[in-house]
Protein backbone atom coordinates (compact mmCIF):
# COMPACT_ATOMS: atom_id res chain seq x y z
CA MET A 1 0.00 0.00 0.00
CA SER A 2 1.25 3.52 -0.83
CA THR A 3 0.76 6.56 1.32
CA LEU A 4 0.40 10.06 -0.08
CA ARG A 5 1.23 12.87 2.31
CA THR A 6 0.63 16.46 1.34
CA ASN A 7 -0.36 19.78 2.82
CA ALA A 8 -2.60 20.77 -0.08
CA LEU A 9 -4.73 19.27 -2.84
CA GLU A 10 -6.11 21.47 -5.58
CA GLY A 11 -8.74 20.57 -8.14
CA VAL A 12 -8.19 21.55 -11.76
CA ASP A 13 -11.62 23.05 -12.44
CA ALA A 14 -13.19 26.26 -11.17
CA LYS A 15 -15.22 24.38 -8.54
CA ASN A 16 -12.07 22.83 -7.05
CA SER A 17 -13.56 19.34 -7.45
CA ILE A 18 -11.40 16.28 -6.99
CA THR A 19 -12.17 12.85 -8.46
CA ILE A 20 -11.58 10.04 -6.00
CA VAL A 21 -11.22 6.46 -7.21
CA ALA A 22 -12.28 4.16 -4.39
CA GLY A 23 -11.05 0.92 -5.92
CA ALA A 24 -12.53 -1.48 -8.47
CA GLY A 25 -13.62 1.38 -10.73
CA ASN A 26 -15.78 3.13 -8.13
CA ILE A 27 -15.32 6.82 -8.94
CA THR A 28 -16.66 9.68 -6.85
CA THR A 29 -16.26 13.37 -7.58
CA THR A 30 -16.17 15.51 -4.45
CA ASN A 31 -16.47 19.27 -4.46
CA VAL A 32 -14.04 20.25 -1.73
CA GLN A 33 -15.46 23.73 -1.17
CA GLU A 34 -19.15 22.79 -1.00
CA GLY A 35 -19.39 19.07 -0.44
CA LEU A 36 -17.85 18.43 2.94
CA VAL A 37 -19.02 18.88 6.52
CA LYS A 38 -17.73 22.23 7.80
CA SER A 39 -18.71 21.96 11.45
CA HIS A 40 -19.84 19.33 13.92
CA LEU A 41 -20.75 19.50 17.57
CA SER A 42 -22.05 17.31 20.32
CA ALA A 43 -23.44 19.30 23.22
CA SER A 44 -24.82 18.49 26.63
CA ASN A 45 -27.86 20.30 28.03
CA ALA A 46 -25.99 23.55 28.76
CA ALA A 47 -24.11 24.14 25.49
CA VAL A 48 -21.09 22.30 26.89
CA LEU A 49 -18.98 21.19 23.96
CA GLU A 50 -17.28 17.84 23.55
CA ALA A 51 -13.62 17.20 22.68
CA ASN A 52 -14.28 16.02 19.11
CA ASP A 53 -16.14 19.13 17.90
CA LEU A 54 -15.10 20.59 14.53
CA ASN A 55 -15.01 24.34 13.73
CA ILE A 56 -16.88 25.29 16.92
CA ALA A 57 -15.10 27.87 19.10
CA SER A 58 -17.65 28.18 21.90
CA GLY A 59 -21.22 27.60 22.97
CA THR A 60 -23.66 29.88 24.77
CA ASP A 61 -26.78 28.81 26.65
CA ASN A 62 -29.39 31.49 25.81
CA GLY A 63 -32.09 30.00 28.03
CA THR A 64 -34.18 26.85 27.99
CA GLY A 65 -33.71 25.04 24.70
CA THR A 66 -31.89 27.88 22.91
CA TYR A 67 -28.16 27.83 22.16
CA THR A 68 -25.71 29.79 20.03
CA TYR A 69 -22.47 28.22 18.80
CA THR A 70 -19.67 30.48 17.58
CA LEU A 71 -17.69 29.15 14.62
CA THR A 72 -13.91 29.04 14.46
CA ASN A 73 -14.02 29.65 10.67
CA ASN A 74 -16.92 31.68 9.26
CA TYR A 75 -19.26 30.73 6.41
CA SER A 76 -19.18 32.95 3.33
CA SER A 77 -22.92 33.61 3.66
CA ASP A 78 -25.57 32.72 6.22
CA ALA A 79 -27.77 31.76 3.25
CA GLU A 80 -25.24 29.01 2.45
CA LEU A 81 -25.56 27.43 5.90
CA PHE A 82 -27.64 24.32 6.37
CA GLY A 83 -27.43 21.51 8.82
CA LEU A 84 -28.49 18.15 10.07
CA THR A 85 -29.45 17.81 13.69
CA ALA A 86 -30.35 15.08 16.12
CA SER A 87 -31.22 14.76 19.74
CA ALA A 88 -29.06 12.45 21.79
CA ASN A 89 -31.96 11.95 24.16
CA ALA A 90 -34.13 8.85 23.78
CA ASN A 91 -37.27 10.99 24.21
CA ALA A 92 -39.00 12.74 21.32
CA TYR A 93 -36.81 15.87 21.17
CA TYR A 94 -35.79 17.61 17.98
CA VAL A 95 -33.26 20.31 17.13
CA GLN A 96 -33.85 23.13 14.66
CA ILE A 97 -31.25 25.52 13.22
CA SER A 98 -32.62 29.06 13.26
CA ASP A 99 -32.92 30.71 9.84
CA SER A 100 -33.08 34.19 11.35
CA GLY A 101 -30.67 33.78 14.26
CA SER A 102 -27.76 32.11 12.48
CA THR A 103 -25.04 34.28 10.92
CA THR A 104 -21.82 33.70 9.01
CA SER A 105 -20.00 33.36 12.34
CA ALA A 106 -22.54 31.61 14.58
CA ILE A 107 -25.20 28.91 14.50
CA LYS A 108 -28.31 29.40 16.63
CA VAL A 109 -30.33 26.31 17.49
CA PHE A 110 -33.58 25.52 19.23
CA VAL A 111 -34.24 22.25 21.07
CA ARG A 112 -37.91 21.32 21.35
CA ASN A 113 -39.85 18.43 22.87
CA SER A 114 -42.66 16.53 21.17
CA SER A 115 -45.11 19.29 22.17
CA ALA A 116 -42.87 21.89 20.44
CA SER A 117 -42.00 23.48 23.79
CA ALA A 118 -38.45 24.63 24.52
CA ALA A 119 -36.53 21.93 26.36
CA ASP A 120 -32.95 21.24 27.39
CA SER A 121 -31.56 18.05 25.88
CA PRO A 122 -28.19 16.85 24.63
CA HIS A 123 -27.95 17.42 20.88
CA ASN A 124 -25.72 17.01 17.83
CA ILE A 125 -25.34 19.29 14.82
CA ILE A 126 -23.58 18.81 11.49
CA SER A 127 -23.51 21.91 9.29
CA MET A 128 -22.43 22.43 5.71
CA GLY A 129 -21.94 25.41 3.44
CA ILE A 130 -19.11 27.39 1.89
CA LEU A 131 -16.47 28.73 4.23
CA ALA A 132 -15.32 32.33 3.82
């Protein structure tokens, strides 16, 4: 097996896409700028971050079920930001990324119970978009 070590990869087209051959002819084209997860967090009830978080500088507890997470590296536009969320709690909680409260430098989230009331619960967020 060969190992390639480098500090930079650059695609040849304007989108900076890279074609990855995953063996036996399986080819995948990945857009490096748009196609990868740009931040990830796992938080306890009080916006306490975990050691394996990606691109999250800090978390703020804004009150019951409302949190703001400051990014280490900003997005180019808050319109580019979208995310996947999940509750770590076995109950029927859900997490929503705020369209109006998120910015290029922070993600605002709401945690709600099955009755749509604000509730504190551990939660996970994966966000994607184009970094500035």
